Structures are given as structure tokens and as C-alpha cells.
Amino acid sequence: MQNGEGFAFELLSVGTAVVGMNQALWKPSDEPTGRTAYMVMYTGSIMYRVDGGTPSSTSGMPFIVGSEPRFLTSAAELQKFKAVAMASDSKLAITYER
């Protein structure tokens, strides 16, 4: 993990439809909002974006199983995160931190 305290975990299934992070996990109504996310590719490969745009299977930031973990460093990036599988269904392990 980076610098925060982990408080929630998600194993996000990513297929051919674009998905985002589960806001109920990183922005719970009764607790402080998550500020960062620690991400590890569990299976498969994805394309993702955190700028508000929509990724496709051939356009975006590639994240491939076996590569180094990735960090999202602001609540804005968590809000704007979108991902799609590059080929087969994939799973992304995410720990939310605050």
C-alpha cells in the first residue's frame, strides 16, 4: 500500500462493458471518503482511464496481470476511474485507503 490506512477491498470484475469502482465502498455515507486506491491485476488485462474519458479494449492505460501495482491518488481519480477488458474477462483487486 502507499501511505493511507486500508479500509475497504473490492475484487472488480472487468469485462467487455465499461465499469467503474464501487462508490459505496470508497465513499461510504457514514465514514470519511477514500482518498487513494492500491490496485493489483488479479487476472487478465484491462485498459483504464481516470480523466473522465471512456476506455476501449485498444485505447487507455494498459494494466496487465503480472505488472507492478498501480495507485490512484485522489478521490477525483476514484470517481473518474473506468475500465474495460482488453480481451477476456479480468479481475482487478483494489484496496481503498484514506
Protein backbone atom coordinates (compact mmCIF):
# COMPACT_ATOMS: atom_id res chain seq x y z
CA MET A 1 0.00 0.00 0.00
CA GLN A 2 1.01 3.59 -0.36
CA ASN A 3 0.56 5.96 2.59
CA GLY A 4 -3.00 5.56 3.76
CA GLU A 5 -4.91 3.23 6.02
CA GLY A 6 -6.71 0.46 4.14
CA PHE A 7 -10.43 0.35 4.98
CA ALA A 8 -12.21 -1.48 2.14
CA PHE A 9 -11.49 -4.11 -0.52
CA GLU A 10 -13.06 -4.90 -3.88
CA LEU A 11 -12.40 -7.62 -6.45
CA LEU A 12 -13.72 -5.79 -9.51
CA SER A 13 -14.87 -7.92 -12.44
CA VAL A 14 -14.00 -6.24 -15.73
CA GLY A 15 -15.50 -7.49 -18.99
CA THR A 16 -16.43 -6.01 -22.36
CA ALA A 17 -18.72 -3.39 -20.76
CA VAL A 18 -17.04 -0.36 -19.18
CA VAL A 19 -17.15 -0.41 -15.35
CA GLY A 20 -16.15 1.92 -12.53
CA MET A 21 -15.26 1.42 -8.89
CA ASN A 22 -17.99 0.71 -6.34
CA GLN A 23 -18.68 4.14 -4.87
CA ALA A 24 -20.48 2.61 -1.87
CA LEU A 25 -17.12 1.12 -0.83
CA TRP A 26 -14.77 4.07 -1.28
CA LYS A 27 -17.31 6.78 -0.37
CA PRO A 28 -19.42 5.31 2.45
CA SER A 29 -22.08 7.65 3.81
CA ASP A 30 -21.16 7.07 7.45
CA GLU A 31 -17.34 7.28 7.24
CA PRO A 32 -14.64 9.50 5.73
CA THR A 33 -14.23 9.22 1.95
CA GLY A 34 -11.41 7.16 0.47
CA ARG A 35 -8.54 9.19 -0.94
CA THR A 36 -6.42 6.57 -2.68
CA ALA A 37 -6.62 3.10 -4.18
CA TYR A 38 -3.97 0.38 -4.39
CA MET A 39 -4.66 -1.81 -7.45
CA VAL A 40 -3.26 -5.19 -8.50
CA MET A 41 -4.30 -7.08 -11.65
CA TYR A 42 -5.63 -10.39 -10.35
CA THR A 43 -6.42 -11.99 -13.72
CA GLY A 44 -6.38 -10.82 -17.34
CA SER A 45 -5.61 -7.38 -18.72
CA ILE A 46 -7.54 -4.12 -18.84
CA MET A 47 -7.47 -0.63 -20.28
CA TYR A 48 -8.42 2.13 -17.85
CA ARG A 49 -8.77 5.90 -17.67
CA VAL A 50 -9.00 8.35 -14.77
CA ASP A 51 -9.54 11.56 -16.77
CA GLY A 52 -13.28 11.17 -17.28
CA GLY A 53 -12.92 9.61 -20.74
CA THR A 54 -14.12 6.15 -21.71
CA PRO A 55 -11.54 3.43 -22.39
CA SER A 56 -11.87 0.78 -25.09
CA SER A 57 -10.12 -2.56 -25.49
CA THR A 58 -7.46 -0.77 -27.58
CA SER A 59 -7.35 2.72 -26.02
CA GLY A 60 -6.49 3.78 -22.50
CA MET A 61 -3.83 2.98 -19.92
CA PRO A 62 -2.96 -0.73 -20.15
CA PHE A 63 -2.78 -2.76 -16.95
CA ILE A 64 -1.60 -6.35 -17.44
CA VAL A 65 -1.52 -9.21 -14.95
CA GLY A 66 2.00 -9.52 -13.50
CA SER A 67 2.79 -5.81 -13.83
CA GLU A 68 3.62 -3.55 -10.89
CA PRO A 69 0.71 -2.38 -8.69
CA ARG A 70 -0.92 0.92 -9.59
CA PHE A 71 -2.06 3.70 -7.29
CA LEU A 72 -4.84 6.21 -7.70
CA THR A 73 -4.00 9.20 -5.55
CA SER A 74 -7.15 11.30 -5.22
CA ALA A 75 -10.89 10.98 -4.69
CA ALA A 76 -11.32 12.60 -8.13
CA GLU A 77 -9.39 9.71 -9.74
CA LEU A 78 -11.51 7.18 -7.85
CA GLN A 79 -14.65 8.91 -9.10
CA LYS A 80 -13.47 9.07 -12.73
CA PHE A 81 -11.92 5.57 -12.93
CA LYS A 82 -13.34 3.48 -15.79
CA ALA A 83 -12.03 0.14 -17.05
CA VAL A 84 -12.71 -2.41 -19.79
CA ALA A 85 -11.11 -5.79 -20.52
CA MET A 86 -8.56 -5.94 -23.33
CA ALA A 87 -9.63 -9.45 -24.37
CA SER A 88 -11.09 -11.92 -21.87
CA ASP A 89 -12.85 -11.11 -18.61
CA SER A 90 -10.44 -9.82 -15.97
CA LYS A 91 -10.38 -9.21 -12.24
CA LEU A 92 -8.81 -6.21 -10.53
CA ALA A 93 -8.04 -6.33 -6.78
CA ILE A 94 -8.47 -2.91 -5.15
CA THR A 95 -7.74 -1.76 -1.60
CA TYR A 96 -9.22 1.64 -0.77
CA GLU A 97 -7.25 3.85 1.60
CA ARG A 98 -7.85 7.07 3.47
